[in-house]
Amino acid sequence: MKFLADRNLGKLVKWLRILGYDTVYDRGSIDRAFLDRGSREGRCVLTKRKDMVRRNYRGRMLVVLSDDLPGQLREVIVAFELTPDRSSCFTRCLICNEALREADREEAASFVPPYVYQTHQCFQKCPACGRYYWAGTHRENILDFLKGVETAGLEGVGPR
């Protein structure tokens, strides 16, 4: 499932990407062009603008009502009947949404801190922006947060 989110949902975009969902963040106007983009790209539209439901949109749309991140995640998971999978987590660039690729450890050496290089064997790289990723302490913090989001759709995503 692919999403297009409006400029009011930046945190939600990041967390959907963490879960592995292809999620485009549109910082432009929330108007007909925004909806046309969602339709053209086959994306489910996520917006905070309640008046958007009156627009003629042929695709799937969710007006996100919650103002807090856990509530927003619950709304999206329930509305689209998502079943986040642990193996899909951490597979997209948090900055540009591209699918990450496995990176050569030696190549990563000059792009990551020396301690990280010494203590990690596996790295991922974004083919678009060149950013490197690794399983640092933030990963467990993220998984703990996701485990704390009380929804059936997120069961089993947290730490083992």
Protein backbone atom coordinates (compact mmCIF):
# COMPACT_ATOMS: atom_id res chain seq x y z
CA MET A 1 0.00 0.00 0.00
CA LYS A 2 1.25 3.47 -0.93
CA PHE A 3 0.35 6.76 0.72
CA LEU A 4 0.40 10.47 -0.05
CA ALA A 5 0.28 12.64 3.06
CA ASP A 6 -0.31 16.36 3.33
CA ARG A 7 2.00 18.88 4.98
CA ASN A 8 0.24 18.51 8.34
CA LEU A 9 1.30 14.89 8.81
CA GLY A 10 5.11 14.96 8.79
CA LYS A 11 5.60 12.79 11.88
CA LEU A 12 3.11 10.23 10.62
CA VAL A 13 4.98 10.07 7.30
CA LYS A 14 8.23 9.24 9.07
CA TRP A 15 6.63 6.46 11.09
CA LEU A 16 4.84 4.94 8.10
CA ARG A 17 8.23 4.83 6.37
CA ILE A 18 9.73 3.19 9.46
CA LEU A 19 7.03 0.53 9.10
CA GLY A 20 8.10 0.06 5.47
CA TYR A 21 5.21 1.81 3.71
CA ASP A 22 5.93 3.86 0.59
CA THR A 23 4.78 7.26 1.85
CA VAL A 24 5.21 10.52 -0.03
CA TYR A 25 5.15 13.74 1.98
CA ASP A 26 3.65 16.62 0.01
CA ARG A 27 4.50 19.99 1.53
CA GLY A 28 2.50 21.90 -1.09
CA SER A 29 -1.06 23.08 -1.13
CA ILE A 30 -3.80 20.69 -0.13
CA ASP A 31 -5.93 21.14 -3.22
CA ARG A 32 -7.09 19.49 -6.44
CA ALA A 33 -3.48 19.05 -7.62
CA PHE A 34 -2.73 17.18 -4.39
CA LEU A 35 -5.64 14.80 -4.99
CA ASP A 36 -4.72 14.43 -8.66
CA ARG A 37 -1.22 13.38 -7.63
CA GLY A 38 -2.64 10.76 -5.28
CA SER A 39 -4.84 9.40 -8.04
CA ARG A 40 -2.11 9.48 -10.71
CA GLU A 41 0.36 7.65 -8.43
CA GLY A 42 -2.21 5.16 -7.08
CA ARG A 43 -1.76 6.37 -3.50
CA CYS A 44 -4.13 6.46 -0.57
CA VAL A 45 -4.44 10.09 0.49
CA LEU A 46 -3.90 11.08 4.12
CA THR A 47 -4.95 14.57 5.16
CA LYS A 48 -5.89 16.60 8.21
CA ARG A 49 -8.23 18.80 6.13
CA LYS A 50 -11.80 17.75 6.90
CA ASP A 51 -13.18 19.62 3.90
CA MET A 52 -11.31 17.27 1.54
CA VAL A 53 -14.01 14.61 1.90
CA ARG A 54 -16.34 16.84 -0.10
CA ARG A 55 -13.96 16.73 -3.05
CA ASN A 56 -14.49 14.22 -5.80
CA TYR A 57 -11.63 11.78 -5.24
CA ARG A 58 -11.82 8.35 -6.85
CA GLY A 59 -9.12 6.77 -4.70
CA ARG A 60 -8.99 5.98 -1.02
CA MET A 61 -8.72 8.87 1.40
CA LEU A 62 -8.49 9.19 5.15
CA VAL A 63 -9.05 12.40 7.04
CA VAL A 64 -6.82 11.89 10.06
CA LEU A 65 -8.59 13.19 13.15
CA SER A 66 -6.05 12.50 15.87
CA ASP A 67 -3.49 15.13 16.76
CA ASP A 68 -1.05 12.73 18.43
CA LEU A 69 1.21 10.27 16.64
CA PRO A 70 0.02 7.04 18.32
CA GLY A 71 -3.58 7.97 17.50
CA GLN A 72 -2.70 8.81 13.91
CA LEU A 73 -0.92 5.48 13.46
CA ARG A 74 -3.91 3.63 14.90
CA GLU A 75 -6.28 5.46 12.55
CA VAL A 76 -4.26 4.58 9.44
CA ILE A 77 -3.75 0.96 10.47
CA VAL A 78 -7.42 0.42 11.24
CA ALA A 79 -8.79 2.37 8.25
CA PHE A 80 -6.63 0.54 5.71
CA GLU A 81 -6.60 -2.80 7.56
CA LEU A 82 -2.80 -2.82 7.62
CA THR A 83 -0.82 -5.60 9.20
CA PRO A 84 2.66 -4.18 9.70
CA ASP A 85 5.35 -6.81 9.35
CA ARG A 86 8.58 -6.76 11.34
CA SER A 87 10.55 -7.76 8.23
CA SER A 88 9.33 -4.62 6.41
CA CYS A 89 10.42 -2.23 9.16
CA PHE A 90 13.49 -0.09 8.45
CA THR A 91 13.46 -0.74 4.70
CA ARG A 92 12.81 2.82 3.44
CA CYS A 93 14.82 6.02 3.68
CA LEU A 94 13.26 8.27 6.29
CA ILE A 95 14.29 11.34 4.32
CA CYS A 96 13.44 10.60 0.68
CA ASN A 97 11.27 7.44 0.89
CA GLU A 98 13.46 5.30 -1.40
CA ALA A 99 13.83 1.59 -0.70
CA LEU A 100 17.11 0.99 1.11
CA ARG A 101 19.77 -1.32 -0.30
CA GLU A 102 22.31 -3.41 1.49
CA ALA A 103 25.59 -1.50 1.64
CA ASP A 104 29.11 -2.82 1.45
CA ARG A 105 30.64 -2.52 4.92
CA GLU A 106 33.98 -1.28 3.59
CA GLU A 107 32.26 1.41 1.55
CA ALA A 108 30.32 2.54 4.62
CA ALA A 109 33.54 3.01 6.62
CA SER A 110 34.15 6.54 5.42
CA PHE A 111 30.51 7.61 5.89
CA VAL A 112 29.68 6.39 9.40
CA PRO A 113 31.28 7.24 12.75
CA PRO A 114 34.32 5.08 13.59
CA TYR A 115 32.62 3.54 16.65
CA VAL A 116 29.60 2.57 14.56
CA TYR A 117 31.85 0.98 11.97
CA GLN A 118 33.69 -1.01 14.64
CA THR A 119 30.53 -2.24 16.36
CA HIS A 120 28.25 -2.99 13.39
CA GLN A 121 28.55 -5.44 10.54
CA CYS A 122 25.49 -4.57 8.47
CA PHE A 123 24.65 -1.28 6.83
CA GLN A 124 21.98 -0.05 4.45
CA LYS A 125 22.22 2.84 2.03
CA CYS A 126 19.65 5.00 0.30
CA PRO A 127 20.35 4.93 -3.43
CA ALA A 128 18.85 8.41 -3.87
CA CYS A 129 20.33 10.57 -1.11
CA GLY A 130 23.28 8.38 -0.10
CA ARG A 131 22.36 8.32 3.60
CA TYR A 132 23.58 5.26 5.55
CA TYR A 133 21.52 3.35 8.10
CA TRP A 134 22.44 0.76 10.74
CA ALA A 135 20.73 -0.95 13.66
CA GLY A 136 21.69 1.41 16.47
CA THR A 137 20.06 1.95 19.85
CA HIS A 138 17.40 4.05 18.15
CA ARG A 139 16.05 0.88 16.54
CA GLU A 140 15.07 -0.66 19.87
CA ASN A 141 13.59 2.67 21.02
CA ILE A 142 11.51 2.81 17.86
CA LEU A 143 10.34 -0.78 18.28
CA ASP A 144 9.47 -0.09 21.92
CA PHE A 145 7.37 2.89 20.82
CA LEU A 146 5.59 0.82 18.18
CA LYS A 147 4.92 -1.93 20.70
CA GLY A 148 3.35 0.69 22.94
CA VAL A 149 0.91 1.79 20.26
CA GLU A 150 -2.08 -0.19 21.41
CA THR A 151 -3.63 -1.59 18.28
CA ALA A 152 -4.10 -5.08 16.93
CA GLY A 153 -2.37 -4.04 13.72
CA LEU A 154 0.95 -3.54 15.47
CA GLU A 155 1.12 -6.76 17.45
CA GLY A 156 4.42 -8.54 16.97
CA VAL A 157 6.23 -5.53 15.55
CA GLY A 158 8.02 -4.70 18.81
CA PRO A 159 11.24 -6.25 20.14
CA ARG A 160 11.47 -9.99 20.38
